[in-house]
Protein backbone atom coordinates (compact mmCIF):
# COMPACT_ATOMS: atom_id res chain seq x y z
CA MET A 1 86.49 60.87 87.65
CA SER A 2 87.71 63.88 85.71
CA ASN A 3 91.46 64.17 85.13
CA VAL A 4 91.19 67.92 84.56
CA ALA A 5 93.22 69.76 87.20
CA ARG A 6 91.20 72.23 89.22
CA SER A 7 92.57 75.75 89.26
CA THR A 8 93.51 76.88 92.75
CA THR A 9 91.76 80.16 91.96
CA ASP A 10 88.47 78.19 91.98
CA TRP A 11 88.88 76.82 95.51
CA GLY A 12 86.19 77.93 97.90
CA THR A 13 82.84 79.46 97.06
CA GLU A 14 82.58 82.77 95.27
CA SER A 15 81.38 84.33 98.53
CA VAL A 16 84.42 83.09 100.43
CA ARG A 17 86.86 84.19 97.73
CA SER A 18 85.46 87.72 97.91
CA ILE A 19 86.07 88.05 101.67
CA ASN A 20 88.69 90.60 102.67
CA PRO A 21 90.84 88.80 105.28
CA TYR A 22 90.87 90.43 108.71
CA VAL A 23 93.88 92.69 109.24
CA GLY A 24 94.81 93.39 112.85
CA GLY A 25 97.00 96.10 114.32
CA ARG A 26 100.68 95.78 113.42
CA PRO A 27 102.55 93.54 115.91
CA ILE A 28 105.39 95.16 117.85
CA SER A 29 107.90 92.57 116.61
CA GLU A 30 107.02 93.27 112.97
CA VAL A 31 107.40 97.04 113.38
CA ALA A 32 110.70 96.57 115.20
CA ARG A 33 112.08 94.49 112.31
CA GLU A 34 110.86 96.84 109.59
CA PHE A 35 112.11 100.06 111.14
CA GLY A 36 115.13 98.73 113.05
CA LEU A 37 113.70 99.71 116.42
CA ASP A 38 114.10 98.27 119.91
CA PRO A 39 110.87 96.34 120.60
CA GLY A 40 110.91 97.61 124.18
CA SER A 41 110.73 101.22 122.98
CA ILE A 42 107.63 100.72 120.81
CA VAL A 43 104.22 101.95 121.94
CA LYS A 44 101.27 99.99 120.52
CA LEU A 45 97.98 101.89 120.50
CA ALA A 46 96.38 100.12 117.56
CA SER A 47 94.29 97.24 118.90
CA ASN A 48 92.26 98.61 121.83
CA GLU A 49 94.19 96.49 124.31
CA ASN A 50 94.31 97.14 128.06
CA PRO A 51 97.53 99.06 128.85
CA LEU A 52 97.52 97.52 132.35
CA GLY A 53 97.69 94.04 130.85
CA MET A 54 95.82 91.41 132.87
CA SER A 55 95.26 91.22 136.60
CA ALA A 56 97.84 89.40 138.72
CA ALA A 57 95.16 86.92 139.76
CA ALA A 58 94.32 86.10 136.15
CA ARG A 59 97.99 85.68 135.26
CA GLN A 60 98.60 83.27 138.15
CA ALA A 61 95.46 81.28 137.29
CA MET A 62 96.65 81.00 133.69
CA LEU A 63 100.09 79.78 134.78
CA ASP A 64 98.57 77.22 137.14
CA ALA A 65 96.26 75.99 134.38
CA ALA A 66 99.25 75.36 132.11
CA LEU A 67 99.74 72.09 134.02
CA GLU A 68 96.47 70.92 132.44
CA ALA A 69 97.54 71.83 128.89
CA PRO A 70 98.00 68.18 127.85
CA ARG A 71 94.29 67.57 128.57
CA TYR A 72 91.29 68.84 126.64
CA PRO A 73 89.43 71.68 128.34
CA ASP A 74 85.94 71.37 129.76
CA ASN A 75 83.89 71.75 126.59
CA ASP A 76 80.99 73.20 128.59
CA ALA A 77 83.20 75.45 130.79
CA PHE A 78 81.00 74.63 133.79
CA GLU A 79 82.79 76.79 136.37
CA LEU A 80 83.21 79.85 134.17
CA ARG A 81 79.62 79.72 132.92
CA ALA A 82 78.38 79.43 136.50
CA ALA A 83 80.47 82.44 137.55
CA LEU A 84 79.29 84.49 134.57
CA ALA A 85 75.70 83.58 135.37
CA ARG A 86 76.11 84.87 138.94
CA HIS A 87 77.84 88.01 137.66
CA LEU A 88 75.06 88.78 135.17
CA GLY A 89 72.12 87.56 137.23
CA VAL A 90 70.97 84.88 134.79
CA ASP A 91 70.91 81.09 134.75
CA ALA A 92 74.05 79.28 133.55
CA SER A 93 71.98 77.81 130.70
CA TRP A 94 71.86 81.37 129.29
CA ILE A 95 75.66 81.56 128.78
CA VAL A 96 77.48 80.55 125.58
CA LEU A 97 81.27 80.89 125.32
CA GLY A 98 83.40 81.80 122.34
CA HIS A 99 87.11 82.22 121.56
CA GLY A 100 86.69 85.98 121.75
CA SER A 101 83.39 87.73 121.15
CA SER A 102 84.13 87.65 117.40
CA ASP A 103 83.48 83.90 117.64
CA ILE A 104 80.01 84.66 119.01
CA LEU A 105 79.34 87.02 116.11
CA GLU A 106 80.37 84.37 113.60
CA MET A 107 78.39 81.66 115.41
CA ALA A 108 75.24 83.72 114.98
CA ALA A 109 75.85 83.99 111.24
CA ARG A 110 76.61 80.25 110.93
CA ALA A 111 73.49 79.31 112.85
CA LEU A 112 71.05 81.72 111.25
CA LEU A 113 72.10 82.72 107.74
CA ALA A 114 71.93 80.83 104.46
CA GLU A 115 72.07 81.88 100.84
CA GLY A 116 69.05 84.04 100.08
CA ASP A 117 68.89 85.41 103.65
CA SER A 118 69.97 88.93 104.57
CA CYS A 119 71.62 90.64 107.53
CA VAL A 120 71.33 94.28 108.58
CA TYR A 121 74.23 96.21 110.10
CA SER A 122 75.49 99.78 110.12
CA GLN A 123 78.03 101.56 107.99
CA TYR A 124 81.22 101.78 110.10
CA GLY A 125 80.10 98.70 112.05
CA PHE A 126 82.73 96.22 113.24
CA VAL A 127 84.40 94.62 110.21
CA VAL A 128 83.69 91.07 111.41
CA TYR A 129 79.98 91.57 110.69
CA ALA A 130 80.64 91.86 106.97
CA SER A 131 82.95 88.84 106.83
CA ALA A 132 80.57 86.68 108.90
CA VAL A 133 77.71 87.45 106.49
CA GLN A 134 79.94 86.93 103.47
CA GLN A 135 81.01 83.48 104.68
CA ARG A 136 77.38 82.38 104.56
CA GLY A 137 76.73 83.74 101.06
CA ALA A 138 73.97 85.91 102.54
CA ARG A 139 73.07 89.44 101.46
CA HIS A 140 74.40 92.55 103.23
CA ILE A 141 72.00 95.37 104.08
CA VAL A 142 74.34 98.16 105.17
CA VAL A 143 72.50 101.17 106.60
CA PRO A 144 74.24 104.57 106.32
CA ALA A 145 75.57 105.84 109.64
CA ARG A 146 74.23 108.92 111.38
CA ASP A 147 76.97 111.07 112.94
CA PHE A 148 79.34 108.06 112.65
CA GLY A 149 76.96 105.90 114.70
CA HIS A 150 74.02 103.59 114.24
CA ASP A 151 70.83 105.05 112.75
CA LEU A 152 68.62 102.60 114.62
CA PRO A 153 65.24 103.70 113.20
CA ALA A 154 66.67 103.39 109.68
CA MET A 155 68.09 99.96 110.53
CA ALA A 156 64.69 98.78 111.75
CA ALA A 157 63.08 100.12 108.57
CA ALA A 158 65.68 98.31 106.44
CA ILE A 159 64.62 94.87 107.70
CA GLU A 160 63.17 92.76 104.89
CA PRO A 161 61.26 89.45 104.81
CA THR A 162 64.60 87.75 104.09
CA THR A 163 66.33 89.29 107.10
CA ARG A 164 67.34 86.82 109.80
CA LEU A 165 70.01 88.72 111.71
CA VAL A 166 70.91 92.25 112.82
CA TYR A 167 74.22 93.34 114.38
CA VAL A 168 74.39 96.39 116.67
CA ALA A 169 77.65 97.43 118.38
CA ASN A 170 77.22 99.59 121.48
CA PRO A 171 79.69 101.28 121.96
CA ASN A 172 80.66 100.98 118.31
CA ASN A 173 84.12 100.07 117.04
CA PRO A 174 85.87 101.90 115.31
CA THR A 175 83.91 105.12 115.88
CA GLY A 176 83.24 104.96 119.65
CA THR A 177 79.63 106.14 119.32
CA LEU A 178 76.95 105.09 121.81
CA ALA A 179 73.20 104.66 121.48
CA SER A 180 71.27 105.51 124.64
CA PRO A 181 69.46 102.80 126.64
CA GLU A 182 66.15 104.29 125.48
CA GLN A 183 67.22 104.09 121.82
CA ILE A 184 68.36 100.48 122.20
CA GLU A 185 65.11 99.47 123.91
CA ALA A 186 62.97 101.15 121.26
CA PHE A 187 64.97 99.41 118.53
CA VAL A 188 64.74 95.95 120.11
CA ARG A 189 60.98 96.37 120.54
CA SER A 190 60.61 97.40 116.88
CA VAL A 191 62.41 94.37 115.42
CA PRO A 192 60.21 91.37 114.50
CA GLU A 193 60.73 88.42 116.81
CA ARG A 194 61.73 86.20 113.87
CA VAL A 195 64.87 88.39 113.44
CA VAL A 196 67.77 87.84 115.86
CA ILE A 197 69.56 90.91 117.23
CA VAL A 198 73.17 90.53 118.31
CA LEU A 199 73.96 93.40 120.68
CA ASP A 200 77.76 93.61 120.67
CA GLU A 201 78.89 95.11 124.01
CA ALA A 202 82.63 94.44 123.81
CA TYR A 203 83.45 97.80 125.42
CA VAL A 204 80.66 97.94 128.01
CA GLU A 205 83.04 97.90 131.00
CA TYR A 206 84.47 101.24 129.90
CA LEU A 207 81.12 103.03 130.05
CA ASP A 208 80.32 105.55 132.73
CA PRO A 209 77.88 103.79 135.10
CA SER A 210 75.21 106.37 134.28
CA LEU A 211 75.30 105.21 130.64
CA HIS A 212 74.90 101.50 131.27
CA GLY A 213 71.82 100.18 129.54
CA ALA A 214 69.47 97.48 130.69
CA SER A 215 70.43 94.98 127.99
CA LEU A 216 70.10 92.02 130.35
CA GLU A 217 66.61 93.12 131.35
CA LEU A 218 65.74 93.42 127.67
CA LEU A 219 67.10 89.92 127.19
CA ARG A 220 64.55 88.51 129.63
CA ARG A 221 61.71 90.00 127.60
CA HIS A 222 63.03 89.36 124.09
CA PRO A 223 63.99 85.78 123.14
CA ASN A 224 65.50 87.01 119.86
CA LEU A 225 68.22 89.05 121.61
CA VAL A 226 71.86 88.00 122.05
CA VAL A 227 74.08 90.13 124.32
CA SER A 228 77.73 89.58 123.39
CA ARG A 229 80.70 90.57 125.58
CA THR A 230 84.41 89.82 125.84
CA PHE A 231 87.36 89.38 128.18
CA SER A 232 89.70 90.93 125.59
CA LYS A 233 89.28 94.60 126.50
CA ALA A 234 88.86 95.77 130.11
CA TYR A 235 89.84 92.34 131.48
CA GLY A 236 93.07 92.34 129.45
CA LEU A 237 92.87 88.79 128.08
CA ALA A 238 93.02 89.60 124.36
CA GLY A 239 95.75 87.04 123.64
CA LEU A 240 93.81 84.23 125.31
CA ARG A 241 90.79 84.69 123.02
CA ILE A 242 87.75 84.29 125.22
CA GLY A 243 84.34 85.94 125.05
CA TYR A 244 80.75 85.03 125.80
CA CYS A 245 77.14 85.91 125.26
CA ALA A 246 73.97 85.86 127.31
CA VAL A 247 71.02 84.44 125.40
CA GLN A 248 67.77 82.67 126.20
CA PRO A 249 68.23 78.86 126.14
CA ALA A 250 66.24 78.12 122.96
CA LEU A 251 68.43 80.41 120.87
CA GLY A 252 71.52 79.45 122.88
CA ASP A 253 70.91 75.81 121.93
CA VAL A 254 71.11 76.79 118.25
CA LEU A 255 74.38 78.67 118.82
CA ASN A 256 75.88 75.74 120.70
CA ARG A 257 75.10 73.43 117.78
CA VAL A 258 77.49 75.41 115.55
CA ARG A 259 80.05 76.14 118.28
CA SER A 260 83.41 74.51 117.65
CA ALA A 261 84.32 71.71 120.03
CA PHE A 262 86.65 72.84 122.85
CA ASN A 263 86.50 76.42 121.56
CA THR A 264 87.96 77.88 124.78
CA SER A 265 91.22 76.58 126.27
CA ASN A 266 92.08 75.51 129.81
CA LEU A 267 94.27 78.59 130.15
CA ALA A 268 91.60 80.96 128.88
CA GLN A 269 88.87 79.54 131.10
CA ALA A 270 91.05 79.70 134.22
CA ALA A 271 92.25 83.24 133.53
CA ALA A 272 88.74 84.47 132.72
CA LEU A 273 87.35 82.97 135.93
CA ALA A 274 90.02 84.73 138.01
CA ALA A 275 89.63 87.97 136.04
CA LEU A 276 85.88 87.98 136.61
CA ARG A 277 86.47 87.77 140.36
CA ASP A 278 88.93 90.68 140.27
CA GLN A 279 86.50 93.53 139.66
CA GLU A 280 88.92 95.92 141.39
CA PHE A 281 91.25 95.47 138.41
CA VAL A 282 88.39 96.23 136.01
CA ARG A 283 87.60 99.39 138.01
CA ARG A 284 91.23 100.54 137.82
CA SER A 285 91.30 99.82 134.11
CA SER A 286 88.20 101.94 133.57
CA GLU A 287 89.59 104.81 135.66
CA LEU A 288 92.89 104.74 133.75
CA ASN A 289 90.95 104.78 130.51
CA GLN A 290 88.90 107.80 131.56
CA ALA A 291 92.03 109.74 132.50
CA GLY A 292 93.82 108.71 129.33
CA MET A 293 90.83 109.63 127.19
CA ARG A 294 90.83 113.14 128.65
CA GLN A 295 94.57 113.40 128.00
CA LEU A 296 94.25 112.34 124.35
CA GLU A 297 91.20 114.52 123.76
CA ALA A 298 93.02 117.58 125.10
CA GLY A 299 96.09 116.86 122.98
CA ILE A 300 94.09 116.25 119.82
CA ASP A 301 92.05 119.40 120.37
CA GLU A 302 95.29 121.34 120.80
CA LEU A 303 96.41 120.03 117.41
CA GLY A 304 93.15 121.32 115.92
CA LEU A 305 92.03 117.90 114.70
CA GLN A 306 88.48 116.64 114.40
CA ARG A 307 87.59 113.69 116.62
CA VAL A 308 84.47 111.62 117.22
CA PRO A 309 83.34 111.60 120.89
CA SER A 310 84.11 108.10 122.13
CA HIS A 311 82.68 105.79 124.77
CA GLY A 312 85.24 103.01 124.23
CA ASN A 313 88.97 102.85 124.95
CA PHE A 314 89.98 104.50 121.66
CA LEU A 315 89.49 107.69 119.67
CA LEU A 316 88.74 108.19 115.97
CA VAL A 317 90.74 111.20 114.76
CA ARG A 318 90.72 112.89 111.34
CA VAL A 319 94.33 113.46 110.29
CA GLY A 320 93.87 114.75 106.73
CA ASP A 321 91.50 115.25 103.84
CA ASP A 322 92.42 112.54 101.34
CA ASP A 323 91.75 108.80 101.55
CA LYS A 324 95.44 108.01 102.08
CA ALA A 325 95.91 110.41 105.00
CA GLY A 326 95.29 107.87 107.77
CA ALA A 327 97.71 105.31 106.33
CA ARG A 328 100.33 108.00 105.58
CA VAL A 329 100.24 109.48 109.09
CA ALA A 330 100.17 106.02 110.67
CA ARG A 331 103.35 105.08 108.78
CA ALA A 332 105.09 108.29 109.84
CA MET A 333 104.21 107.41 113.44
CA LEU A 334 105.50 103.85 112.99
CA ALA A 335 108.93 105.24 112.12
CA GLN A 336 108.86 106.93 115.53
CA GLY A 337 107.95 103.70 117.32
CA VAL A 338 104.22 104.41 117.82
CA ILE A 339 101.62 102.05 116.34
CA ALA A 340 98.18 103.54 115.60
CA ARG A 341 95.45 102.09 113.38
CA PRO A 342 94.50 103.41 109.94
CA VAL A 343 90.86 102.57 109.22
CA ASP A 344 90.65 102.84 105.44
CA ASN A 345 89.17 99.31 105.42
CA TYR A 346 86.08 100.90 106.99
CA GLY A 347 85.88 103.58 104.31
CA LEU A 348 87.49 106.04 106.73
CA GLY A 349 90.71 106.77 104.83
CA PRO A 350 91.29 110.28 106.28
CA TRP A 351 90.99 108.96 109.83
CA LEU A 352 93.16 107.21 112.40
CA ARG A 353 92.01 105.14 115.38
CA ILE A 354 94.14 105.57 118.50
CA SER A 355 93.78 103.32 121.53
CA VAL A 356 94.06 104.82 125.01
CA GLY A 357 97.31 103.88 126.76
CA THR A 358 99.09 104.86 129.92
CA GLU A 359 99.90 108.54 130.55
CA ALA A 360 103.42 108.09 129.17
CA GLU A 361 102.20 106.14 126.12
CA ASN A 362 99.58 108.75 125.34
CA GLN A 363 102.21 111.47 125.56
CA ARG A 364 104.48 109.57 123.16
CA CYS A 365 101.56 109.14 120.78
CA LEU A 366 100.64 112.82 120.77
CA ALA A 367 104.26 113.83 120.16
CA ALA A 368 104.57 111.35 117.29
CA LEU A 369 101.26 112.52 115.82
CA ARG A 370 102.35 116.14 115.97
CA LYS A 371 105.62 115.31 114.20
CA ALA A 372 103.86 113.13 111.60
CA LEU A 373 101.43 115.89 110.75
CA ALA A 374 104.27 118.37 110.37
């Protein structure tokens, strides 16, 4: 055995050491400490959370489930998977759970990618795609965006013999763009069956019903499709970390083989089951989002700022011309007790992403933005 001490800078593979750790929106407690503010006065519009919180039914179910915290959860989440299957119109064997939909995205990379393989995703695609690929030491094929969204024909053309996986976010985070159902179907049909497509629909509940695609119908015809969704957004369970995907059983079996044991807690399963039954809460959340989106759009237009039309629960707004503008304006808003999200880690330095809040929160945000710009 060698007695030579190993440098801590050599720990991990080169691929892992080159990963940029995920950076979330600033926590309220951290901002309160830094700026000497009352936590109760701070408005957080940085993480695309539901301003209504969670439904009362989900909260009570979570509290009741706390009695089972000393015991391991049901690893197969039988009840929740059965309820999701009924909700989506598929068999329960088609449901795989994750601790948030980001877990599903990473599962796909773990199951399908190895060194020498490649993955296709879009410029301005969700940042987890890049880190999931990087963890596997696989090659990134990043296709330039078109009008801040996915250029699906170019993505299909970029597929190589080494490609095993493609990520598509619809609506896309952080830009809010949406590909039409016809565009998604044409893309799925054009991708070779040996390549798995993860269709990331984290914000699907916020879509106008007329814009809902037939992703689940596509799933029945295409065994290489994974439709990923989450309880973090419209259902308001972000802190409980629970998401899921619908996938045909053969591919689902592969995902389950790399799924962490007990990857969803008793509390998360119980809350998600109750939240799924409370579709009235989801409807109210969507309606509040639509009203808030109109409020923010009007205020941003009044300020004369460029924005990207959004189909999520957030807006991408250009707040300057230089690559530090987003971070600079975000900090000026922090001092006023409003947390927004700079997106320079996406190569969007002049831009700011603002989540939709309540009417009062949106008004606070617009006032802070106006003052920060001045």
